[in-house]
Amino acid sequence: MEDEEGYTVLNFRRQEKTTTSPSPGRIQDSPLSSQRCKHMLGILGAVCIILTVAVIILTILVFQGRSLQMDTGAVSSVPESSGVSQRHSPGRECNRSLEDLVSRLKQSLCHSAQSPSADGSGCKFCPMDWLSHRGKCYWFSKDSKNWKESCDDCSAKSSRKLVIQDQEEMEFIQNVTHGKYHVWLGLSVTSAEKNWMWVDSSVLDQTLFPVTGPADVYSCGVIKGNRIHSETCSAEFKWICEKEAMPL
């Protein structure tokens, strides 16, 4: 009986010894944990080096920027009477380069660098696909819209619908269109008094440009050849936009 109990106790202690889990100290001392620690230490060391280099570079850039500002201020503050050369000033060099460029453009592109051109346009330019004439730029549509839609299109182009000022401008439009089709003008009846008004709020001089057709509230002006006709504003025709040419 005692032998059986002693055997049982001895067997139990052996099982307890074999099934006991290893201590935390032993896990930390394993080769895998040691490699992970070394890897993390290497990453942290590299990050510290990168941050240190970044701080040094930023410090150098800040000092260089302050030094450049001080040098520029010193050059600009030197009076002309002191006789000190200012030709190394970045602002002066830039202005001289721009002036030289504008001068060359005028000599190459303008009709005359000293006097205006014969048609009064002088040295002025228009955007691409716009026709230049007497200091104004004209854009001729290829499709057709009603009067309101064509006005909106001209506004989107930072321009307005065509306003004819004199007979010479009327002849210019006639020569371009060859009088083959109707073209919307910036002209409409905008009041109960049935007065024809341009889009610039000026009243049409019918002694200069008489209008053929009724002057109803929903009437708008079109041009064909050298004559202005009254049409319903909902009709669809080609149109012309105009704006001032840009001087050089």
Protein backbone atom coordinates (compact mmCIF):
# COMPACT_ATOMS: atom_id res chain seq x y z
CA MET A 1 0.00 0.00 0.00
CA GLU A 2 2.71 2.41 0.87
CA ASP A 3 4.74 1.34 -2.17
CA GLU A 4 1.81 2.10 -4.41
CA GLU A 5 1.33 5.54 -2.82
CA GLY A 6 5.02 6.33 -3.10
CA TYR A 7 5.03 5.30 -6.73
CA THR A 8 2.02 7.40 -7.37
CA VAL A 9 3.60 10.45 -5.75
CA LEU A 10 6.81 9.99 -7.63
CA ASN A 11 4.97 9.62 -10.93
CA PHE A 12 2.99 12.79 -10.27
CA ARG A 13 6.12 14.86 -9.59
CA ARG A 14 7.71 13.68 -12.79
CA GLN A 15 4.63 14.69 -14.79
CA GLU A 16 4.54 18.08 -13.05
CA LYS A 17 8.18 18.66 -13.83
CA THR A 18 7.77 17.80 -17.50
CA THR A 19 4.60 19.86 -18.05
CA THR A 20 5.76 23.04 -16.31
CA SER A 21 6.02 26.00 -18.82
CA PRO A 22 9.35 27.73 -19.22
CA SER A 23 9.92 30.93 -17.30
CA PRO A 24 9.67 34.38 -18.96
CA GLY A 25 13.41 34.90 -18.48
CA ARG A 26 14.17 31.98 -20.69
CA ILE A 27 11.85 33.23 -23.47
CA GLN A 28 13.61 36.57 -23.54
CA ASP A 29 16.94 34.86 -23.79
CA SER A 30 15.90 32.91 -26.91
CA PRO A 31 17.82 33.60 -30.19
CA LEU A 32 14.68 34.86 -31.98
CA SER A 33 13.94 37.54 -29.36
CA SER A 34 17.55 38.69 -29.44
CA GLN A 35 17.43 39.14 -33.21
CA ARG A 36 14.22 41.21 -33.00
CA CYS A 37 15.71 43.50 -30.40
CA LYS A 38 18.78 44.08 -32.53
CA HIS A 39 16.59 44.79 -35.58
CA MET A 40 14.49 47.37 -33.70
CA LEU A 41 17.58 49.06 -32.28
CA GLY A 42 19.03 49.32 -35.80
CA ILE A 43 15.83 50.97 -37.13
CA LEU A 44 15.71 53.47 -34.27
CA GLY A 45 19.36 54.34 -34.82
CA ALA A 46 18.76 54.98 -38.54
CA VAL A 47 15.73 57.21 -37.78
CA CYS A 48 17.78 59.25 -35.31
CA ILE A 49 20.52 59.76 -37.90
CA ILE A 50 18.00 60.87 -40.57
CA LEU A 51 16.34 63.36 -38.19
CA THR A 52 19.70 64.78 -37.20
CA VAL A 53 20.73 65.31 -40.83
CA ALA A 54 17.36 66.93 -41.60
CA VAL A 55 17.75 69.39 -38.72
CA ILE A 56 21.25 70.33 -39.92
CA ILE A 57 20.05 70.91 -43.50
CA LEU A 58 17.11 73.06 -42.38
CA THR A 59 19.39 75.14 -40.18
CA ILE A 60 21.75 75.78 -43.09
CA LEU A 61 18.88 76.79 -45.39
CA VAL A 62 17.47 79.21 -42.83
CA PHE A 63 20.83 80.93 -42.37
CA GLN A 64 21.35 81.13 -46.15
CA GLY A 65 17.89 82.70 -46.61
CA ARG A 66 18.57 85.34 -43.96
CA SER A 67 21.95 86.10 -45.49
CA LEU A 68 20.40 86.57 -48.96
CA GLN A 69 17.75 88.92 -47.58
CA MET A 70 20.38 91.01 -45.83
CA ASP A 71 22.51 91.22 -48.98
CA THR A 72 19.51 92.24 -51.12
CA GLY A 73 18.46 94.89 -48.63
CA ALA A 74 21.99 96.27 -48.50
CA VAL A 75 22.16 96.62 -52.28
CA SER A 76 18.74 98.27 -52.60
CA SER A 77 19.48 100.75 -49.78
CA VAL A 78 22.64 102.13 -51.39
CA PRO A 79 21.87 105.60 -52.84
CA GLU A 80 22.66 106.24 -56.51
CA SER A 81 24.76 109.30 -55.60
CA SER A 82 27.21 107.16 -53.64
CA GLY A 83 28.66 105.81 -56.87
CA VAL A 84 28.28 102.17 -55.76
CA SER A 85 27.31 99.87 -58.64
CA GLN A 86 23.84 98.32 -58.38
CA ARG A 87 24.02 96.20 -61.49
CA HIS A 88 24.05 93.03 -59.43
CA SER A 89 20.57 93.72 -57.99
CA PRO A 90 18.21 90.88 -59.04
CA GLY A 91 15.24 93.26 -59.31
CA ARG A 92 17.04 95.67 -61.63
CA GLU A 93 18.35 92.89 -63.83
CA CYS A 94 14.84 91.43 -64.15
CA ASN A 95 13.33 94.81 -65.09
CA ARG A 96 16.01 95.43 -67.69
CA SER A 97 15.40 92.00 -69.22
CA LEU A 98 11.67 92.64 -69.45
CA GLU A 99 12.17 96.07 -71.00
CA ASP A 100 14.55 94.62 -73.55
CA LEU A 101 12.07 91.86 -74.42
CA VAL A 102 9.19 94.32 -74.88
CA SER A 103 11.38 96.55 -77.06
CA ARG A 104 12.33 93.63 -79.31
CA LEU A 105 8.70 92.53 -79.60
CA LYS A 106 7.65 96.01 -80.66
CA GLN A 107 10.38 96.17 -83.29
CA SER A 108 9.49 92.73 -84.66
CA LEU A 109 5.69 92.69 -84.44
CA CYS A 110 4.40 96.26 -84.43
CA HIS A 111 3.76 98.31 -87.52
CA SER A 112 6.05 101.02 -86.25
CA ALA A 113 7.85 101.45 -82.96
CA GLN A 114 7.60 105.24 -83.17
CA SER A 115 4.24 106.06 -84.78
CA PRO A 116 0.78 104.46 -84.88
CA SER A 117 -0.30 102.45 -87.90
CA ALA A 118 -2.44 103.81 -90.66
CA ASP A 119 -5.61 102.05 -89.44
CA GLY A 120 -5.21 103.46 -85.92
CA SER A 121 -4.56 100.13 -84.23
CA GLY A 122 -1.01 100.99 -83.22
CA CYS A 123 0.86 98.21 -81.46
CA LYS A 124 -2.05 96.08 -80.23
CA PHE A 125 -2.72 92.36 -80.33
CA CYS A 126 -5.69 90.00 -80.35
CA PRO A 127 -6.07 86.42 -79.09
CA MET A 128 -5.71 83.50 -81.45
CA ASP A 129 -8.69 82.98 -83.82
CA TRP A 130 -9.65 86.65 -83.43
CA LEU A 131 -9.42 89.17 -86.27
CA SER A 132 -7.77 92.53 -85.54
CA HIS A 133 -9.09 95.80 -86.98
CA ARG A 134 -8.67 99.39 -85.79
CA GLY A 135 -7.73 98.48 -82.26
CA LYS A 136 -10.55 95.94 -81.82
CA CYS A 137 -10.68 92.14 -81.93
CA TYR A 138 -13.49 90.29 -83.71
CA TRP A 139 -14.53 86.65 -83.32
CA PHE A 140 -16.81 85.08 -85.95
CA SER A 141 -18.87 82.04 -84.95
CA LYS A 142 -19.19 78.92 -87.09
CA ASP A 143 -22.42 77.56 -85.63
CA SER A 144 -25.78 79.22 -84.94
CA LYS A 145 -27.57 80.16 -81.71
CA ASN A 146 -30.46 82.39 -80.68
CA TRP A 147 -29.80 85.98 -79.63
CA LYS A 148 -29.60 85.34 -75.86
CA GLU A 149 -27.36 82.28 -76.19
CA SER A 150 -25.00 84.12 -78.51
CA CYS A 151 -24.79 87.00 -76.01
CA ASP A 152 -23.88 84.54 -73.26
CA ASP A 153 -21.17 83.05 -75.47
CA CYS A 154 -19.59 86.47 -76.00
CA SER A 155 -19.71 87.15 -72.25
CA ALA A 156 -17.94 83.84 -71.62
CA LYS A 157 -15.18 85.06 -73.96
CA SER A 158 -14.81 88.29 -71.95
CA SER A 159 -16.30 90.25 -74.85
CA ARG A 160 -19.65 91.54 -76.08
CA LYS A 161 -21.90 91.14 -79.11
CA LEU A 162 -20.95 93.27 -82.11
CA VAL A 163 -21.75 97.01 -81.84
CA ILE A 164 -21.21 98.82 -85.13
CA GLN A 165 -19.90 102.35 -84.60
CA ASP A 166 -19.67 103.78 -88.11
CA GLN A 167 -19.98 103.03 -91.81
CA GLU A 168 -16.34 101.97 -92.09
CA GLU A 169 -16.88 99.23 -89.52
CA MET A 170 -20.02 98.16 -91.38
CA GLU A 171 -17.96 97.77 -94.57
CA PHE A 172 -15.33 95.77 -92.70
CA ILE A 173 -17.96 93.30 -91.45
CA GLN A 174 -19.46 93.08 -94.92
CA ASN A 175 -16.07 92.26 -96.46
CA VAL A 176 -15.45 89.49 -93.94
CA THR A 177 -18.90 87.86 -94.20
CA HIS A 178 -19.23 88.63 -97.95
CA GLY A 179 -22.91 89.35 -97.24
CA LYS A 180 -23.80 85.65 -97.64
CA TYR A 181 -25.64 85.04 -94.35
CA HIS A 182 -27.39 86.77 -91.49
CA VAL A 183 -25.31 87.61 -88.41
CA TRP A 184 -26.62 88.63 -85.01
CA LEU A 185 -25.76 92.12 -83.80
CA GLY A 186 -25.70 93.36 -80.22
CA LEU A 187 -28.95 95.12 -81.00
CA SER A 188 -32.47 94.56 -79.63
CA VAL A 189 -35.70 96.26 -78.63
CA THR A 190 -35.53 96.43 -74.84
CA SER A 191 -38.38 98.72 -73.80
CA ALA A 192 -42.07 99.35 -74.36
CA GLU A 193 -41.12 102.49 -76.29
CA LYS A 194 -39.78 100.13 -78.97
CA ASN A 195 -36.39 101.75 -79.19
CA TRP A 196 -33.49 99.85 -80.70
CA MET A 197 -30.67 99.62 -78.16
CA TRP A 198 -27.12 98.33 -78.44
CA VAL A 199 -25.73 96.05 -75.74
CA ASP A 200 -23.55 98.94 -74.50
CA SER A 201 -26.83 100.78 -73.62
CA SER A 202 -26.49 103.30 -76.47
CA VAL A 203 -29.46 104.06 -78.76
CA LEU A 204 -29.22 103.07 -82.43
CA ASP A 205 -28.87 106.02 -84.80
CA GLN A 206 -31.33 105.01 -87.49
CA THR A 207 -30.30 107.92 -89.67
CA LEU A 208 -26.97 106.11 -90.00
CA PHE A 209 -28.24 102.52 -89.89
CA PRO A 210 -31.97 102.18 -90.65
CA VAL A 211 -33.59 98.91 -89.59
CA THR A 212 -35.78 96.96 -91.98
CA GLY A 213 -38.74 95.27 -90.27
CA PRO A 214 -40.89 95.77 -87.16
CA ALA A 215 -39.58 96.96 -83.80
CA ASP A 216 -41.43 94.63 -81.47
CA VAL A 217 -40.49 93.87 -77.87
CA TYR A 218 -39.06 90.50 -78.88
CA SER A 219 -37.17 91.81 -81.91
CA CYS A 220 -33.39 91.59 -82.30
CA GLY A 221 -31.09 92.95 -84.98
CA VAL A 222 -29.20 91.00 -87.63
CA ILE A 223 -26.95 92.20 -90.39
CA LYS A 224 -26.70 90.89 -93.94
CA GLY A 225 -24.53 92.74 -96.38
CA ASN A 226 -24.70 96.41 -95.41
CA ARG A 227 -28.23 96.41 -94.03
CA ILE A 228 -29.74 95.73 -90.61
CA HIS A 229 -32.92 93.64 -90.37
CA SER A 230 -35.36 92.91 -87.56
CA GLU A 231 -35.72 89.25 -86.57
CA THR A 232 -37.36 87.30 -83.76
CA CYS A 233 -34.85 86.87 -80.92
CA SER A 234 -35.60 83.15 -80.73
CA ALA A 235 -34.31 82.59 -84.28
CA GLU A 236 -30.86 81.07 -84.69
CA PHE A 237 -28.06 82.75 -86.66
CA LYS A 238 -24.31 83.11 -86.56
CA TRP A 239 -22.91 85.91 -84.42
CA ILE A 240 -19.85 88.14 -83.91
CA CYS A 241 -18.12 88.98 -80.62
CA GLU A 242 -15.84 91.97 -80.17
CA LYS A 243 -13.45 93.39 -77.55
CA GLU A 244 -10.62 95.87 -77.29
CA ALA A 245 -7.21 94.76 -78.53
CA MET A 246 -4.45 94.49 -75.93
CA PRO A 247 -1.67 97.10 -76.27
CA LEU A 248 1.96 96.02 -76.03
